């Protein structure tokens, strides 16, 4: 594994935040503090897995405890939460949906991540990182005390690892009129890979990587995320809407989508290693779907950069829809 930067302590971050800093430095400091909080959530998810047979797979006590932990945080912050039951693997499991009390209910922007792990391990990068990052972005937004112009909805999907079961159930059972109110869906699945790449879903097909562009509006999502990652020193590459994560059911019904991804079992090229650092010829995440996908399998810098992009997207879409 490549060397990974050490996380700053919460005390040091709090002291730094007390200084009067230029706007860019304040934003950077805020992102770092948020990433530390994300790491705390990841440790809690690992503890949950450790207490429940080593995993947080759909339909297991570890999954239920993970959902209860996140729901408790969102309830405390004032979100309206709902648990949606569906069947998977012959038994019940659940999605968790949380939304801001305020905001235009006819203009909904969704942020989603799957909460379940595979049965082989605790699933901290896949996908504790995405779940913890959107959780903390939601908590930080709520702490700011603003009422959004557009309603924000955060989804924590169950049974993604069984074939996108939770997100598919949500989209297919949502009345057509309610689907029409979802203006955008942003998906975050693995945002802290230890040999990280920096990928955004190719909404405008400018990278020509496969399936073509996403529904109209996807290009704006891609640009917003690209700009955030570029500003953090991580120029992004486009990746295909290949149907491997929970954006799939949304683009199938014409909802604009996007998101970030730091790579799974695929191999990092020499060109990518030159651009992003890390080890060429090795997987982005050598612990993908294995027992070693623990908190030690998360790159702090990749997590911080992606969290900053997620938090910026939450704030941006709360206020307005980005222009082409």
Protein backbone atom coordinates (compact mmCIF):
# COMPACT_ATOMS: atom_id res chain seq x y z
CA UNK A 1 0.00 0.00 0.00
CA UNK A 2 1.26 3.58 -0.65
CA UNK A 3 2.02 5.86 2.23
CA UNK A 4 -1.02 7.87 3.32
CA UNK A 5 -1.09 11.31 4.96
CA UNK A 6 -1.89 11.40 8.65
CA UNK A 7 -5.21 12.94 9.68
CA UNK A 8 -4.97 16.15 11.67
CA UNK A 9 -6.28 16.03 15.23
CA UNK A 10 -9.65 17.57 16.00
CA UNK A 11 -8.03 19.87 18.60
CA UNK A 12 -5.55 21.25 16.09
CA UNK A 13 -8.32 21.84 13.57
CA UNK A 14 -10.44 23.66 16.13
CA UNK A 15 -7.53 25.93 17.03
CA UNK A 16 -6.86 26.68 13.38
CA UNK A 17 -10.52 27.45 12.74
CA UNK A 18 -10.41 30.15 15.40
CA UNK A 19 -7.93 32.18 13.34
CA UNK A 20 -9.06 34.82 10.88
CA UNK A 21 -8.09 33.25 7.57
CA UNK A 22 -8.60 34.08 3.91
CA UNK A 23 -11.74 32.57 2.38
CA UNK A 24 -9.90 29.79 0.52
CA UNK A 25 -8.03 28.78 3.65
CA UNK A 26 -11.25 28.75 5.69
CA UNK A 27 -12.86 26.47 3.11
CA UNK A 28 -9.84 24.15 3.13
CA UNK A 29 -9.84 24.04 6.91
CA UNK A 30 -13.56 23.28 6.96
CA UNK A 31 -13.07 20.41 4.51
CA UNK A 32 -10.30 18.98 6.64
CA UNK A 33 -12.42 19.19 9.79
CA UNK A 34 -15.29 17.53 7.95
CA UNK A 35 -12.99 14.75 6.76
CA UNK A 36 -11.90 14.12 10.36
CA UNK A 37 -15.57 13.76 11.33
CA UNK A 38 -16.08 11.38 8.39
CA UNK A 39 -13.21 9.27 9.71
CA UNK A 40 -14.94 9.14 13.10
CA UNK A 41 -18.07 7.78 11.40
CA UNK A 42 -15.96 5.19 9.60
CA UNK A 43 -14.49 4.02 12.87
CA UNK A 44 -18.00 3.62 14.26
CA UNK A 45 -19.02 1.56 11.23
CA UNK A 46 -15.97 -0.65 11.70
CA UNK A 47 -16.85 -1.08 15.38
CA UNK A 48 -20.35 -2.09 14.35
CA UNK A 49 -19.00 -4.67 11.92
CA UNK A 50 -16.61 -6.00 14.55
CA UNK A 51 -19.48 -6.52 16.96
CA UNK A 52 -21.63 -8.26 14.33
CA UNK A 53 -19.65 -11.00 12.67
CA UNK A 54 -17.20 -8.80 10.80
CA UNK A 55 -19.58 -7.30 8.23
CA UNK A 56 -22.52 -4.95 7.65
CA UNK A 57 -24.22 -6.88 4.84
CA UNK A 58 -27.86 -6.28 3.95
CA UNK A 59 -30.29 -8.14 6.16
CA UNK A 60 -27.80 -8.64 9.00
CA UNK A 61 -27.59 -7.12 12.49
CA UNK A 62 -24.52 -5.20 11.35
CA UNK A 63 -26.52 -3.48 8.64
CA UNK A 64 -29.35 -2.66 11.03
CA UNK A 65 -26.91 -1.17 13.54
CA UNK A 66 -25.30 0.91 10.78
CA UNK A 67 -28.69 2.26 9.73
CA UNK A 68 -29.65 3.02 13.34
CA UNK A 69 -26.39 4.92 13.88
CA UNK A 70 -26.84 7.13 10.82
CA UNK A 71 -30.55 7.68 11.43
CA UNK A 72 -29.80 8.81 15.00
CA UNK A 73 -27.32 11.42 13.74
CA UNK A 74 -29.76 12.76 11.15
CA UNK A 75 -32.71 12.82 13.54
CA UNK A 76 -30.66 14.76 16.06
CA UNK A 77 -29.71 17.30 13.39
CA UNK A 78 -33.37 17.96 12.53
CA UNK A 79 -33.78 16.02 9.29
CA UNK A 80 -37.05 14.30 8.45
CA UNK A 81 -36.17 10.61 8.19
CA UNK A 82 -38.00 7.57 6.88
CA UNK A 83 -37.05 3.90 6.74
CA UNK A 84 -38.24 2.05 3.64
CA UNK A 85 -38.54 -1.73 3.92
CA UNK A 86 -38.06 -4.08 0.98
CA UNK A 87 -37.19 -7.74 0.45
CA UNK A 88 -33.70 -8.99 -0.42
CA UNK A 89 -32.20 -12.47 -0.11
CA UNK A 90 -35.53 -13.80 1.13
CA UNK A 91 -35.92 -11.39 4.02
CA UNK A 92 -36.49 -7.73 4.83
CA UNK A 93 -33.87 -5.00 4.66
CA UNK A 94 -34.09 -1.24 4.44
CA UNK A 95 -33.28 2.07 2.80
CA UNK A 96 -32.89 5.17 4.94
CA UNK A 97 -34.15 8.43 3.44
CA UNK A 98 -33.58 11.82 5.09
CA UNK A 99 -34.52 15.27 3.84
CA UNK A 100 -34.39 18.87 4.89
CA UNK A 101 -37.64 20.16 6.42
CA UNK A 102 -37.34 23.26 4.25
CA UNK A 103 -36.81 23.72 0.53
CA UNK A 104 -39.06 23.48 -2.51
CA UNK A 105 -40.59 20.00 -2.53
CA UNK A 106 -41.03 20.32 -6.29
CA UNK A 107 -37.25 20.75 -6.76
CA UNK A 108 -35.47 17.93 -4.97
CA UNK A 109 -31.75 17.20 -5.19
CA UNK A 110 -30.70 13.77 -3.94
CA UNK A 111 -27.35 12.59 -2.61
CA UNK A 112 -26.99 8.83 -2.26
CA UNK A 113 -24.60 6.10 -1.14
CA UNK A 114 -25.05 2.44 -0.38
CA UNK A 115 -24.73 1.55 3.27
CA UNK A 116 -24.34 -2.23 3.04
CA UNK A 117 -21.06 -4.13 2.86
CA UNK A 118 -20.37 -7.49 1.32
CA UNK A 119 -20.45 -10.46 3.67
CA UNK A 120 -16.67 -10.90 3.48
CA UNK A 121 -15.72 -7.75 5.38
CA UNK A 122 -16.70 -4.49 7.08
CA UNK A 123 -16.90 -2.48 3.85
CA UNK A 124 -15.23 0.69 5.09
CA UNK A 125 -14.07 2.06 1.75
CA UNK A 126 -16.89 0.21 -0.04
CA UNK A 127 -19.00 1.94 0.94
CA UNK A 128 -18.58 3.32 4.40
CA UNK A 129 -16.72 6.24 2.83
CA UNK A 130 -19.59 7.34 0.60
CA UNK A 131 -22.17 6.90 3.36
CA UNK A 132 -20.10 8.69 5.99
CA UNK A 133 -19.24 11.52 3.60
CA UNK A 134 -22.83 12.33 2.62
CA UNK A 135 -23.86 11.97 6.26
CA UNK A 136 -21.30 14.54 7.38
CA UNK A 137 -22.09 16.87 4.49
CA UNK A 138 -25.74 16.76 5.58
CA UNK A 139 -24.84 17.40 9.22
CA UNK A 140 -22.55 20.30 8.32
CA UNK A 141 -25.23 21.88 6.14
CA UNK A 142 -27.83 21.57 8.90
CA UNK A 143 -25.42 23.10 11.41
CA UNK A 144 -25.21 26.22 9.23
CA UNK A 145 -28.84 26.99 9.99
CA UNK A 146 -29.80 27.93 6.43
CA UNK A 147 -33.11 27.06 4.80
CA UNK A 148 -32.39 25.61 1.35
CA UNK A 149 -34.08 26.94 -1.76
CA UNK A 150 -34.23 23.41 -3.17
CA UNK A 151 -35.11 20.47 -0.95
CA UNK A 152 -32.15 18.22 -0.16
CA UNK A 153 -32.70 14.47 0.19
CA UNK A 154 -30.05 12.02 1.41
CA UNK A 155 -30.41 8.30 0.69
CA UNK A 156 -28.56 5.40 2.31
CA UNK A 157 -29.29 2.37 0.18
CA UNK A 158 -29.60 -1.23 1.29
CA UNK A 159 -28.61 -4.32 -0.73
CA UNK A 160 -26.56 -2.52 -3.37
CA UNK A 161 -24.12 -5.41 -3.19
CA UNK A 162 -26.97 -7.77 -4.12
CA UNK A 163 -27.66 -5.93 -7.37
CA UNK A 164 -28.79 -2.35 -6.63
CA UNK A 165 -31.87 -3.77 -4.96
CA UNK A 166 -32.59 -0.89 -2.57
CA UNK A 167 -32.19 1.98 -5.00
CA UNK A 168 -34.11 0.09 -7.68
CA UNK A 169 -36.97 -0.51 -5.25
CA UNK A 170 -37.02 3.17 -4.31
CA UNK A 171 -37.17 4.44 -7.89
CA UNK A 172 -39.63 1.82 -9.11
CA UNK A 173 -42.08 2.38 -6.25
CA UNK A 174 -41.87 6.17 -6.37
CA UNK A 175 -44.96 7.62 -8.08
CA UNK A 176 -44.16 9.13 -11.47
CA UNK A 177 -45.16 12.59 -10.27
CA UNK A 178 -42.64 12.31 -7.42
CA UNK A 179 -39.91 11.12 -9.76
CA UNK A 180 -40.50 14.25 -11.79
CA UNK A 181 -39.66 16.41 -8.78
CA UNK A 182 -36.13 14.98 -8.50
CA UNK A 183 -33.95 17.44 -10.37
CA UNK A 184 -30.63 15.63 -9.84
CA UNK A 185 -29.14 12.56 -8.19
CA UNK A 186 -25.50 12.50 -7.02
CA UNK A 187 -23.99 9.12 -6.10
CA UNK A 188 -20.89 8.44 -4.02
CA UNK A 189 -19.57 4.88 -3.94
CA UNK A 190 -15.95 4.41 -2.73
CA UNK A 191 -14.40 7.86 -2.19
CA UNK A 192 -11.30 6.92 -0.18
CA UNK A 193 -9.49 4.18 -2.12
CA UNK A 194 -5.94 3.61 -0.81
CA UNK A 195 -4.30 3.92 -4.26
CA UNK A 196 -6.82 6.53 -5.25
CA UNK A 197 -7.89 7.71 -8.64
CA UNK A 198 -10.16 10.70 -9.12
CA UNK A 199 -13.09 9.91 -11.38
CA UNK A 200 -16.38 11.66 -12.07
CA UNK A 201 -19.23 10.15 -14.03
CA UNK A 202 -18.98 11.39 -17.60
CA UNK A 203 -22.24 13.26 -17.80
CA UNK A 204 -21.51 14.98 -21.13
CA UNK A 205 -19.64 12.05 -22.73
CA UNK A 206 -16.67 14.35 -23.38
CA UNK A 207 -14.30 11.56 -22.36
CA UNK A 208 -15.99 9.08 -24.67
CA UNK A 209 -15.62 6.24 -22.20
CA UNK A 210 -18.57 4.05 -23.07
CA UNK A 211 -22.32 4.31 -22.65
CA UNK A 212 -22.77 7.90 -23.76
CA UNK A 213 -23.95 10.97 -21.86
CA UNK A 214 -26.28 10.91 -18.89
CA UNK A 215 -29.73 12.52 -18.94
CA UNK A 216 -29.81 16.25 -19.60
CA UNK A 217 -28.39 18.06 -16.57
CA UNK A 218 -25.74 15.41 -15.89
CA UNK A 219 -23.05 17.55 -17.53
CA UNK A 220 -23.58 20.31 -14.97
CA UNK A 221 -23.09 17.82 -12.13
CA UNK A 222 -19.88 16.56 -13.70
CA UNK A 223 -18.52 20.09 -14.16
CA UNK A 224 -19.29 21.09 -10.58
CA UNK A 225 -17.50 18.04 -9.20
CA UNK A 226 -14.59 18.40 -11.64
CA UNK A 227 -14.10 22.00 -10.61
CA UNK A 228 -14.01 21.05 -6.93
CA UNK A 229 -11.52 18.24 -7.42
CA UNK A 230 -9.38 20.34 -9.73
CA UNK A 231 -9.22 23.12 -7.16
CA UNK A 232 -8.00 20.54 -4.63
CA UNK A 233 -5.16 19.50 -6.91
CA UNK A 234 -6.78 16.33 -8.27
CA UNK A 235 -7.83 16.80 -11.91
CA UNK A 236 -10.55 14.25 -12.61
CA UNK A 237 -11.03 11.77 -15.42
CA UNK A 238 -14.43 10.79 -16.72
CA UNK A 239 -15.76 7.33 -15.98
CA UNK A 240 -18.62 5.57 -17.68
CA UNK A 241 -22.17 5.20 -16.39
CA UNK A 242 -21.59 1.44 -16.44
CA UNK A 243 -24.51 0.54 -14.15
CA UNK A 244 -22.36 -0.72 -11.27
CA UNK A 245 -23.80 1.59 -8.63
CA UNK A 246 -27.00 3.20 -7.44
CA UNK A 247 -27.22 5.94 -10.05
CA UNK A 248 -28.39 3.23 -12.49
CA UNK A 249 -32.11 3.22 -11.63
CA UNK A 250 -32.17 7.02 -11.73
CA UNK A 251 -30.67 7.48 -15.18
CA UNK A 252 -32.97 4.74 -16.48
CA UNK A 253 -35.94 7.02 -15.77
CA UNK A 254 -34.24 10.15 -17.11
CA UNK A 255 -33.05 11.77 -13.88
CA UNK A 256 -29.75 13.68 -14.27
CA UNK A 257 -26.96 12.00 -12.33
CA UNK A 258 -23.31 12.23 -11.42
CA UNK A 259 -20.86 11.49 -8.67
CA UNK A 260 -17.27 10.73 -7.76
CA UNK A 261 -15.37 7.46 -7.50
CA UNK A 262 -11.78 6.66 -6.46
CA UNK A 263 -11.50 3.24 -8.08
CA UNK A 264 -12.02 -0.40 -7.15
CA UNK A 265 -10.27 -3.51 -8.45
CA UNK A 266 -9.06 -1.92 -11.69
CA UNK A 267 -5.33 -1.20 -12.12
CA UNK A 268 -3.85 2.30 -12.00
CA UNK A 269 -1.97 3.19 -15.17
CA UNK A 270 1.47 4.85 -15.26
CA UNK A 271 -0.15 8.00 -16.63
CA UNK A 272 -2.64 8.07 -13.76
CA UNK A 273 0.12 7.52 -11.20
CA UNK A 274 2.06 10.41 -12.73
CA UNK A 275 -1.00 12.64 -12.47
CA UNK A 276 -2.37 11.57 -9.07
CA UNK A 277 0.46 9.82 -7.28
CA UNK A 278 0.25 6.29 -5.93
CA UNK A 279 1.42 3.03 -7.43
CA UNK A 280 1.09 2.23 -11.12
CA UNK A 281 0.29 -1.38 -11.94
CA UNK A 282 -1.64 -1.92 -8.69
CA UNK A 283 -5.35 -1.86 -7.98
CA UNK A 284 -6.97 1.35 -6.82
CA UNK A 285 -8.30 -0.72 -3.92
CA UNK A 286 -6.51 -4.03 -3.38
CA UNK A 287 -8.91 -4.81 -0.49
CA UNK A 288 -12.04 -4.44 -2.62
CA UNK A 289 -14.72 -6.83 -1.27
CA UNK A 290 -12.30 -8.37 1.22
CA UNK A 291 -11.90 -8.56 5.00
CA UNK A 292 -9.04 -6.04 4.84
CA UNK A 293 -11.42 -3.24 3.78
CA UNK A 294 -11.06 -1.54 7.17
CA UNK A 295 -10.32 2.01 8.29
CA UNK A 296 -6.66 1.26 7.44
CA UNK A 297 -7.77 0.86 3.83
CA UNK A 298 -8.80 4.51 3.44
CA UNK A 299 -6.59 7.25 2.02
CA UNK A 300 -6.98 10.41 4.09
CA UNK A 301 -6.17 12.82 1.26
CA UNK A 302 -8.59 11.20 -1.20
CA UNK A 303 -11.29 11.20 1.45
CA UNK A 304 -10.73 14.88 2.22
CA UNK A 305 -10.75 15.93 -1.43
CA UNK A 306 -13.92 14.00 -2.18
CA UNK A 307 -15.63 15.21 0.97
CA UNK A 308 -14.86 18.81 -0.04
CA UNK A 309 -16.44 18.18 -3.45
CA UNK A 310 -19.51 16.59 -1.86
CA UNK A 311 -19.96 19.37 0.70
CA UNK A 312 -19.61 22.00 -2.02
CA UNK A 313 -22.22 20.21 -4.14
CA UNK A 314 -24.64 20.10 -1.21
CA UNK A 315 -24.26 23.84 -0.60
CA UNK A 316 -24.47 24.69 -4.30
CA UNK A 317 -27.57 22.63 -5.05
CA UNK A 318 -29.27 23.82 -1.89
CA UNK A 319 -29.18 27.34 -3.30
CA UNK A 320 -29.38 26.95 -7.07
CA UNK A 321 -28.89 24.71 -10.08
CA UNK A 322 -25.48 25.18 -11.71
CA UNK A 323 -25.51 26.60 -15.22
CA UNK A 324 -23.99 24.74 -18.21
